Amino acid sequence: MLKDKQGIIFGVANKRSIAWATAQALHEAGARLAFAYQGDRLKENVERLTAEEMPGSPLFSCDVTKQEEVDAHLQAGSASNSAGSIS
């Protein structure tokens, strides 16, 4: 159903995150995903989770409480460059 669709997942903190459950459902439906994590403390968790279940998923740091960081990534195409264009 979502085959060849791309998306960005924000907010994964651990395997119990709503964002992680959403990512799993989207992945199972065929979507390709990039992941934004907030800070180095969460980077390791996201790296571990994606390596186990979605290897090769692009990861990038983005503090979603800072609109300028979100805007900068979207303008720079951080996820687009890593995962194909977001659609």
C-alpha atoms as a PDB file:
ATOM      1  CA  MET A   1       0.000   0.000   0.000  1.00  0.00           C
ATOM      2  CA  LEU A   2       2.850   2.441   0.754  1.00  0.00           C
ATOM      3  CA  LYS A   3       5.392   0.787  -1.539  1.00  0.00           C
ATOM      4  CA  ASP A   4       7.944   3.303  -2.813  1.00  0.00           C
ATOM      5  CA  LYS A   5       6.640   6.093  -0.590  1.00  0.00           C
ATOM      6  CA  GLN A   6       9.163   7.915   1.584  1.00  0.00           C
ATOM      7  CA  GLY A   7       8.743   9.609   4.919  1.00  0.00           C
ATOM      8  CA  ILE A   8      10.542  11.089   7.893  1.00  0.00           C
ATOM      9  CA  ILE A   9       9.888   9.852  11.416  1.00  0.00           C
ATOM     10  CA  PHE A  10      10.502  12.307  14.245  1.00  0.00           C
ATOM     11  CA  GLY A  11      10.397  11.475  17.936  1.00  0.00           C
ATOM     12  CA  VAL A  12      11.681   7.936  18.327  1.00  0.00           C
ATOM     13  CA  ALA A  13      13.101   7.654  21.822  1.00  0.00           C
ATOM     14  CA  ASN A  14      12.987   3.887  22.358  1.00  0.00           C
ATOM     15  CA  LYS A  15      11.151   0.735  21.266  1.00  0.00           C
ATOM     16  CA  ARG A  16       8.065   1.809  23.259  1.00  0.00           C
ATOM     17  CA  SER A  17       7.705   5.165  21.460  1.00  0.00           C
ATOM     18  CA  ILE A  18       4.520   5.853  19.553  1.00  0.00           C
ATOM     19  CA  ALA A  19       6.809   7.144  16.797  1.00  0.00           C
ATOM     20  CA  TRP A  20       8.573   3.767  16.639  1.00  0.00           C
ATOM     21  CA  ALA A  21       5.262   1.876  16.445  1.00  0.00           C
ATOM     22  CA  THR A  22       4.209   4.222  13.640  1.00  0.00           C
ATOM     23  CA  ALA A  23       7.505   3.616  11.839  1.00  0.00           C
ATOM     24  CA  GLN A  24       7.077  -0.148  12.104  1.00  0.00           C
ATOM     25  CA  ALA A  25       3.555   0.017  10.661  1.00  0.00           C
ATOM     26  CA  LEU A  26       4.658   2.263   7.787  1.00  0.00           C
ATOM     27  CA  HIS A  27       7.668   0.044   7.081  1.00  0.00           C
ATOM     28  CA  GLU A  28       5.513  -3.092   7.047  1.00  0.00           C
ATOM     29  CA  ALA A  29       3.236  -1.343   4.538  1.00  0.00           C
ATOM     30  CA  GLY A  30       6.233  -0.758   2.253  1.00  0.00           C
ATOM     31  CA  ALA A  31       7.363   2.784   3.065  1.00  0.00           C
ATOM     32  CA  ARG A  32      11.021   3.787   3.091  1.00  0.00           C
ATOM     33  CA  LEU A  33      11.827   5.905   6.112  1.00  0.00           C
ATOM     34  CA  ALA A  34      14.412   8.358   7.348  1.00  0.00           C
ATOM     35  CA  PHE A  35      14.689   9.078  11.066  1.00  0.00           C
ATOM     36  CA  ALA A  36      15.382  12.321  12.895  1.00  0.00           C
ATOM     37  CA  TYR A  37      16.673  11.996  16.436  1.00  0.00           C
ATOM     38  CA  GLN A  38      17.053  14.658  19.105  1.00  0.00           C
ATOM     39  CA  GLY A  39      20.581  14.756  20.452  1.00  0.00           C
ATOM     40  CA  ASP A  40      23.359  12.236  20.899  1.00  0.00           C
ATOM     41  CA  ARG A  41      21.631  10.543  23.826  1.00  0.00           C
ATOM     42  CA  LEU A  42      18.809   9.342  21.560  1.00  0.00           C
ATOM     43  CA  LYS A  43      21.008   8.734  18.522  1.00  0.00           C
ATOM     44  CA  GLU A  44      22.274   5.416  19.901  1.00  0.00           C
ATOM     45  CA  ASN A  45      18.720   4.177  20.534  1.00  0.00           C
ATOM     46  CA  VAL A  46      17.563   5.088  17.038  1.00  0.00           C
ATOM     47  CA  GLU A  47      20.704   3.586  15.469  1.00  0.00           C
ATOM     48  CA  ARG A  48      20.160   0.320  17.329  1.00  0.00           C
ATOM     49  CA  LEU A  49      16.451   0.090  16.503  1.00  0.00           C
ATOM     50  CA  THR A  50      16.840   0.884  12.823  1.00  0.00           C
ATOM     51  CA  ALA A  51      19.875  -1.403  12.428  1.00  0.00           C
ATOM     52  CA  GLU A  52      17.849  -4.319  13.781  1.00  0.00           C
ATOM     53  CA  GLU A  53      14.600  -3.753  11.900  1.00  0.00           C
ATOM     54  CA  MET A  54      15.212  -1.231   9.100  1.00  0.00           C
ATOM     55  CA  PRO A  55      18.879  -1.412   8.130  1.00  0.00           C
ATOM     56  CA  GLY A  56      20.097   1.345   5.867  1.00  0.00           C
ATOM     57  CA  SER A  57      17.531   3.879   7.045  1.00  0.00           C
ATOM     58  CA  PRO A  58      19.035   7.364   6.951  1.00  0.00           C
ATOM     59  CA  LEU A  59      19.417   9.118  10.323  1.00  0.00           C
ATOM     60  CA  PHE A  60      19.943  12.772  11.102  1.00  0.00           C
ATOM     61  CA  SER A  61      19.905  14.994  14.151  1.00  0.00           C
ATOM     62  CA  CYS A  62      17.010  17.436  14.452  1.00  0.00           C
ATOM     63  CA  ASP A  63      15.609  19.125  17.538  1.00  0.00           C
ATOM     64  CA  VAL A  64      11.935  19.556  16.623  1.00  0.00           C
ATOM     65  CA  THR A  65      11.477  22.075  19.425  1.00  0.00           C
ATOM     66  CA  LYS A  66      13.589  24.435  17.298  1.00  0.00           C
ATOM     67  CA  GLN A  67      11.665  25.340  14.158  1.00  0.00           C
ATOM     68  CA  GLU A  68      14.817  26.659  12.520  1.00  0.00           C
ATOM     69  CA  GLU A  69      16.387  23.173  12.661  1.00  0.00           C
ATOM     70  CA  VAL A  70      13.349  21.569  11.059  1.00  0.00           C
ATOM     71  CA  ASP A  71      13.273  24.265   8.369  1.00  0.00           C
ATOM     72  CA  ALA A  72      16.996  23.921   7.710  1.00  0.00           C
ATOM     73  CA  HIS A  73      16.717  20.157   7.156  1.00  0.00           C
ATOM     74  CA  LEU A  74      13.709  20.497   4.906  1.00  0.00           C
ATOM     75  CA  GLN A  75      15.342  23.273   2.869  1.00  0.00           C
ATOM     76  CA  ALA A  76      18.638  21.401   2.625  1.00  0.00           C
ATOM     77  CA  GLY A  77      16.851  18.222   1.675  1.00  0.00           C
ATOM     78  CA  SER A  78      18.567  16.181   4.406  1.00  0.00           C
ATOM     79  CA  ALA A  79      16.017  13.402   4.224  1.00  0.00           C
ATOM     80  CA  SER A  80      15.525  13.814   0.493  1.00  0.00           C
ATOM     81  CA  ASN A  81      19.224  13.354  -0.166  1.00  0.00           C
ATOM     82  CA  SER A  82      19.339  10.272   2.022  1.00  0.00           C
ATOM     83  CA  ALA A  83      16.082   8.499   1.257  1.00  0.00           C
ATOM     84  CA  GLY A  84      14.931   9.861  -2.065  1.00  0.00           C
ATOM     85  CA  SER A  85      12.402  12.642  -2.259  1.00  0.00           C
ATOM     86  CA  ILE A  86       9.758  12.692   0.445  1.00  0.00           C
ATOM     87  CA  SER A  87       6.320  11.962  -0.940  1.00  0.00           C
END
